[in-house]
Amino acid sequence: MSIKSYRIEEPAPQLDPTLLARFAKVEAATVGHYLHDRFMRSDIRPLIDGVRIAGTAQTISIPGADSTLLYHAMDRVRPGDILVIDRAGDERHAPWGGFMAAVAKVRGLAGVIIDGVITDPAAIIEAGVPTWARGVSPVTTKLLNMGGGYNIPISCGGVSINPGDAILADDCGILVLPPDQVAGVTDVALFDQQDEGSWIAAIRAGKKLQDLVDIAGMIAERQKKDENAHG
């Protein structure tokens, strides 16, 4: 048995652009009404407010103070991809800063998600590639040639991610879906968003929430169950 410091695989196929364009219209919070376990932790926050992206995941895991494999990955990412970076628990060293943000802009990345810290936030914002991270640090990674994994299954923000998964990220959160679930979730979410718009219009027209949902009936039903349960 041998141990390999680097585990490097080819990128998974990109998702259909038309599918991703529809997926990008979905608000992460809409999906949060009915899915609970496919969202990253809430402390991974966007540096740029008001953006929403959808794309195909390329994954990378880089340990501690080393970012050698990130340089390898940045020559292989494709326009429209979202690079998801697993930092293997490191919370001190920043693998991403102004230089990598400029490279990402040239490569056409749709976005970058880091389960860790970044540096040069102003330069990242200026580059304009949407970036999510857990914080800022002046201590950067180096080219230490320690190892890591590229386009392998990783964990980011408490969620397992496979290369080729669909990523939806906005200022409410980050959703990860297997490719075969994107179309169905998109259909339901876009219908719900349209339906919510009609509810808001009804409230502006003078309707009460009770006119839209029988809340009184729900409360009465619950109270009856409580009474029956306690004799």
Protein backbone atom coordinates (compact mmCIF):
# COMPACT_ATOMS: atom_id res chain seq x y z
CA MET A 1 0.00 0.00 0.00
CA SER A 2 1.27 3.46 -0.90
CA ILE A 3 0.28 6.87 0.39
CA LYS A 4 -0.08 9.68 -2.13
CA SER A 5 0.40 13.26 -0.96
CA TYR A 6 -1.58 14.54 -3.94
CA ARG A 7 -4.91 13.12 -5.11
CA ILE A 8 -5.66 14.77 -8.43
CA GLU A 9 -8.65 13.99 -10.64
CA GLU A 10 -10.12 15.55 -13.77
CA PRO A 11 -13.01 18.06 -13.43
CA ALA A 12 -16.52 16.66 -13.62
CA PRO A 13 -18.67 17.68 -16.62
CA GLN A 14 -20.18 21.14 -16.39
CA LEU A 15 -23.91 21.43 -15.85
CA ASP A 16 -26.09 22.66 -18.70
CA PRO A 17 -25.93 26.47 -18.95
CA THR A 18 -29.69 26.77 -19.47
CA LEU A 19 -30.31 24.73 -16.32
CA LEU A 20 -27.89 26.90 -14.34
CA ALA A 21 -29.46 30.10 -15.64
CA ARG A 22 -32.83 29.01 -14.21
CA PHE A 23 -31.19 27.80 -11.00
CA ALA A 24 -29.59 31.22 -10.54
CA LYS A 25 -33.07 32.77 -10.26
CA VAL A 26 -33.75 30.72 -7.13
CA GLU A 27 -33.29 32.33 -3.73
CA ALA A 28 -31.42 30.10 -1.30
CA ALA A 29 -33.95 30.99 1.41
CA THR A 30 -36.80 29.70 -0.76
CA VAL A 31 -35.21 26.25 -0.86
CA GLY A 32 -34.68 26.52 2.90
CA HIS A 33 -38.44 26.17 3.34
CA TYR A 34 -38.22 22.48 2.46
CA LEU A 35 -34.57 21.35 2.50
CA HIS A 36 -32.46 21.46 5.64
CA ASP A 37 -29.30 19.39 5.24
CA ARG A 38 -27.74 20.69 2.02
CA PHE A 39 -26.78 24.17 3.24
CA MET A 40 -23.31 25.22 4.36
CA ARG A 41 -22.79 26.77 7.78
CA SER A 42 -24.05 30.31 8.11
CA ASP A 43 -20.66 31.77 9.11
CA ILE A 44 -19.41 31.41 5.52
CA ARG A 45 -20.42 34.86 4.32
CA PRO A 46 -20.18 36.78 1.01
CA LEU A 47 -17.68 39.59 0.62
CA ILE A 48 -19.87 41.25 -2.02
CA ASP A 49 -23.45 42.04 -0.99
CA GLY A 50 -26.44 41.34 -3.17
CA VAL A 51 -24.93 38.73 -5.51
CA ARG A 52 -26.26 35.31 -6.41
CA ILE A 53 -24.37 32.68 -8.38
CA ALA A 54 -25.05 29.19 -9.66
CA GLY A 55 -22.45 26.90 -11.14
CA THR A 56 -20.66 23.56 -11.27
CA ALA A 57 -18.42 22.70 -8.34
CA GLN A 58 -14.72 22.15 -8.76
CA THR A 59 -13.36 20.99 -5.42
CA ILE A 60 -10.00 21.33 -3.73
CA SER A 61 -8.66 20.41 -0.30
CA ILE A 62 -5.46 22.14 0.81
CA PRO A 63 -3.92 21.70 4.27
CA GLY A 64 -2.65 24.24 6.75
CA ALA A 65 -0.14 26.73 5.42
CA ASP A 66 0.21 25.14 1.96
CA SER A 67 -1.48 26.29 -1.24
CA THR A 68 0.64 24.52 -3.86
CA LEU A 69 -2.33 22.61 -5.26
CA LEU A 70 -4.38 25.80 -5.57
CA TYR A 71 -1.93 27.03 -8.22
CA HIS A 72 -2.42 23.75 -10.08
CA ALA A 73 -6.20 24.11 -9.87
CA MET A 74 -6.28 27.71 -11.06
CA ASP A 75 -4.78 26.65 -14.40
CA ARG A 76 -7.60 24.14 -14.85
CA VAL A 77 -10.78 25.86 -13.71
CA ARG A 78 -13.28 26.69 -16.43
CA PRO A 79 -15.48 29.73 -17.05
CA GLY A 80 -18.66 29.37 -15.01
CA ASP A 81 -17.20 26.97 -12.44
CA ILE A 82 -17.43 27.58 -8.71
CA LEU A 83 -14.24 26.68 -6.85
CA VAL A 84 -15.00 25.20 -3.43
CA ILE A 85 -12.01 25.13 -1.07
CA ASP A 86 -11.82 22.77 1.90
CA ARG A 87 -9.19 24.08 4.32
CA ALA A 88 -9.07 20.88 6.39
CA GLY A 89 -9.86 22.80 9.57
CA ASP A 90 -7.29 25.59 9.17
CA GLU A 91 -8.55 28.95 10.44
CA ARG A 92 -5.29 30.95 10.38
CA HIS A 93 -3.75 30.86 6.91
CA ALA A 94 -5.42 32.65 3.99
CA PRO A 95 -5.07 30.82 0.64
CA TRP A 96 -7.03 33.46 -1.24
CA GLY A 97 -6.23 37.14 -1.75
CA GLY A 98 -5.92 39.86 -4.35
CA PHE A 99 -3.64 37.91 -6.68
CA MET A 100 -5.81 34.78 -6.81
CA ALA A 101 -8.91 36.94 -7.21
CA ALA A 102 -7.33 38.57 -10.28
CA VAL A 103 -6.50 35.12 -11.69
CA ALA A 104 -10.08 34.00 -11.02
CA LYS A 105 -11.37 37.01 -12.96
CA VAL A 106 -9.22 36.11 -15.96
CA ARG A 107 -10.28 32.46 -15.79
CA GLY A 108 -13.96 33.42 -15.70
CA LEU A 109 -14.83 31.70 -12.42
CA ALA A 110 -18.43 32.24 -11.36
CA GLY A 111 -17.38 32.31 -7.72
CA VAL A 112 -15.20 31.01 -4.92
CA ILE A 113 -16.28 29.47 -1.61
CA ILE A 114 -13.71 28.97 1.14
CA ASP A 115 -14.23 27.12 4.41
CA GLY A 116 -11.59 29.34 5.97
CA VAL A 117 -10.12 32.82 5.79
CA ILE A 118 -9.03 35.19 3.03
CA THR A 119 -6.73 38.19 2.84
CA ASP A 120 -6.86 41.43 0.79
CA PRO A 121 -10.66 41.77 0.99
CA ALA A 122 -10.68 45.13 -0.81
CA ALA A 123 -8.72 43.71 -3.73
CA ILE A 124 -11.00 40.68 -3.91
CA ILE A 125 -14.05 42.94 -4.04
CA GLU A 126 -12.41 45.08 -6.71
CA ALA A 127 -11.71 42.01 -8.85
CA GLY A 128 -15.45 41.36 -8.75
CA VAL A 129 -15.51 37.56 -8.54
CA PRO A 130 -18.12 36.67 -5.87
CA THR A 131 -16.33 35.17 -2.87
CA TRP A 132 -17.59 33.56 0.33
CA ALA A 133 -15.35 32.97 3.36
CA ARG A 134 -15.38 32.76 7.17
CA GLY A 135 -13.09 35.65 7.96
CA VAL A 136 -9.93 37.64 7.20
CA SER A 137 -6.30 36.97 8.14
CA PRO A 138 -2.98 38.64 7.25
CA VAL A 139 -1.20 35.28 7.48
CA THR A 140 -1.07 33.69 4.05
CA THR A 141 -0.40 30.21 2.73
CA LYS A 142 2.89 29.38 0.99
CA LEU A 143 4.13 27.01 -1.69
CA LEU A 144 5.21 24.29 0.74
CA ASN A 145 4.42 21.28 -1.50
CA MET A 146 2.67 19.37 1.28
CA GLY A 147 -0.15 17.79 -0.74
CA GLY A 148 -3.93 17.87 -0.97
CA GLY A 149 -6.78 16.83 -3.20
CA TYR A 150 -8.23 18.27 -6.40
CA ASN A 151 -11.66 17.28 -7.73
CA ILE A 152 -12.21 14.75 -4.97
CA PRO A 153 -15.11 14.59 -2.48
CA ILE A 154 -14.61 17.25 0.19
CA SER A 155 -16.37 18.85 3.14
CA CYS A 156 -17.09 22.57 3.17
CA GLY A 157 -19.21 24.37 5.74
CA GLY A 158 -20.41 21.08 7.20
CA VAL A 159 -21.68 19.73 3.86
CA SER A 160 -20.17 16.98 1.73
CA ILE A 161 -19.51 18.09 -1.84
CA ASN A 162 -18.66 16.02 -4.89
CA PRO A 163 -17.01 17.40 -8.02
CA GLY A 164 -19.76 18.35 -10.45
CA ASP A 165 -22.35 19.16 -7.79
CA ALA A 166 -24.50 22.23 -8.37
CA ILE A 167 -23.82 25.21 -6.13
CA LEU A 168 -26.25 28.07 -5.46
CA ALA A 169 -24.93 30.89 -3.31
CA ASP A 170 -26.36 34.26 -2.30
CA ASP A 171 -26.41 36.56 0.72
CA CYS A 172 -28.70 34.16 2.62
CA GLY A 173 -26.63 31.00 2.23
CA ILE A 174 -24.97 28.34 0.11
CA LEU A 175 -26.85 25.32 -1.23
CA VAL A 176 -25.27 22.15 -2.61
CA LEU A 177 -27.28 19.79 -4.81
CA PRO A 178 -26.50 16.66 -6.83
CA PRO A 179 -26.95 17.42 -10.54
CA ASP A 180 -30.04 15.22 -10.89
CA GLN A 181 -31.94 17.26 -8.27
CA VAL A 182 -31.38 20.73 -9.74
CA ALA A 183 -34.26 20.82 -12.23
CA GLY A 184 -36.87 19.62 -9.73
CA VAL A 185 -35.79 21.95 -6.95
CA THR A 186 -35.66 24.86 -9.40
CA ASP A 187 -39.22 24.21 -10.62
CA VAL A 188 -40.62 24.11 -7.08
CA ALA A 189 -38.66 27.13 -5.87
CA LEU A 190 -39.52 29.38 -8.81
CA PHE A 191 -43.21 28.47 -8.43
CA ASP A 192 -43.05 29.34 -4.72
CA GLN A 193 -41.32 32.65 -5.40
CA GLN A 194 -44.02 33.61 -7.91
CA ASP A 195 -46.72 32.51 -5.46
CA GLU A 196 -45.16 34.60 -2.67
CA GLY A 197 -45.29 37.64 -4.94
CA SER A 198 -49.04 37.17 -5.37
CA TRP A 199 -49.44 36.94 -1.57
CA ILE A 200 -47.59 40.23 -1.08
CA ALA A 201 -49.82 41.85 -3.70
CA ALA A 202 -52.90 40.57 -1.82
CA ILE A 203 -51.64 42.01 1.50
CA ARG A 204 -51.02 45.38 -0.16
CA ALA A 205 -54.58 45.22 -1.44
CA GLY A 206 -55.86 44.93 2.14
CA LYS A 207 -56.05 41.18 2.70
CA LYS A 208 -55.21 39.63 6.07
CA LEU A 209 -52.88 36.66 6.49
CA GLN A 210 -55.93 34.70 7.70
CA ASP A 211 -57.43 35.23 4.24
CA LEU A 212 -54.47 33.42 2.72
CA VAL A 213 -53.93 30.63 5.26
CA ASP A 214 -56.43 29.32 7.80
CA ILE A 215 -54.23 30.05 10.82
CA ALA A 216 -57.23 30.13 13.17
CA GLY A 217 -58.20 26.64 12.04
CA MET A 218 -54.65 25.37 12.57
CA ILE A 219 -54.51 26.79 16.10
CA ALA A 220 -57.90 25.29 16.94
CA GLU A 221 -56.82 21.90 15.63
CA ARG A 222 -53.66 22.00 17.74
CA GLN A 223 -55.53 23.01 20.87
CA LYS A 224 -58.00 20.16 20.34
CA LYS A 225 -55.10 17.67 20.06
CA ASP A 226 -53.58 19.05 23.28
CA GLU A 227 -56.89 18.70 25.12
CA ASN A 228 -57.33 15.11 23.91
CA ALA A 229 -53.76 14.25 24.88
CA HIS A 230 -54.24 15.49 28.44
CA GLY A 231 -57.69 14.05 28.99
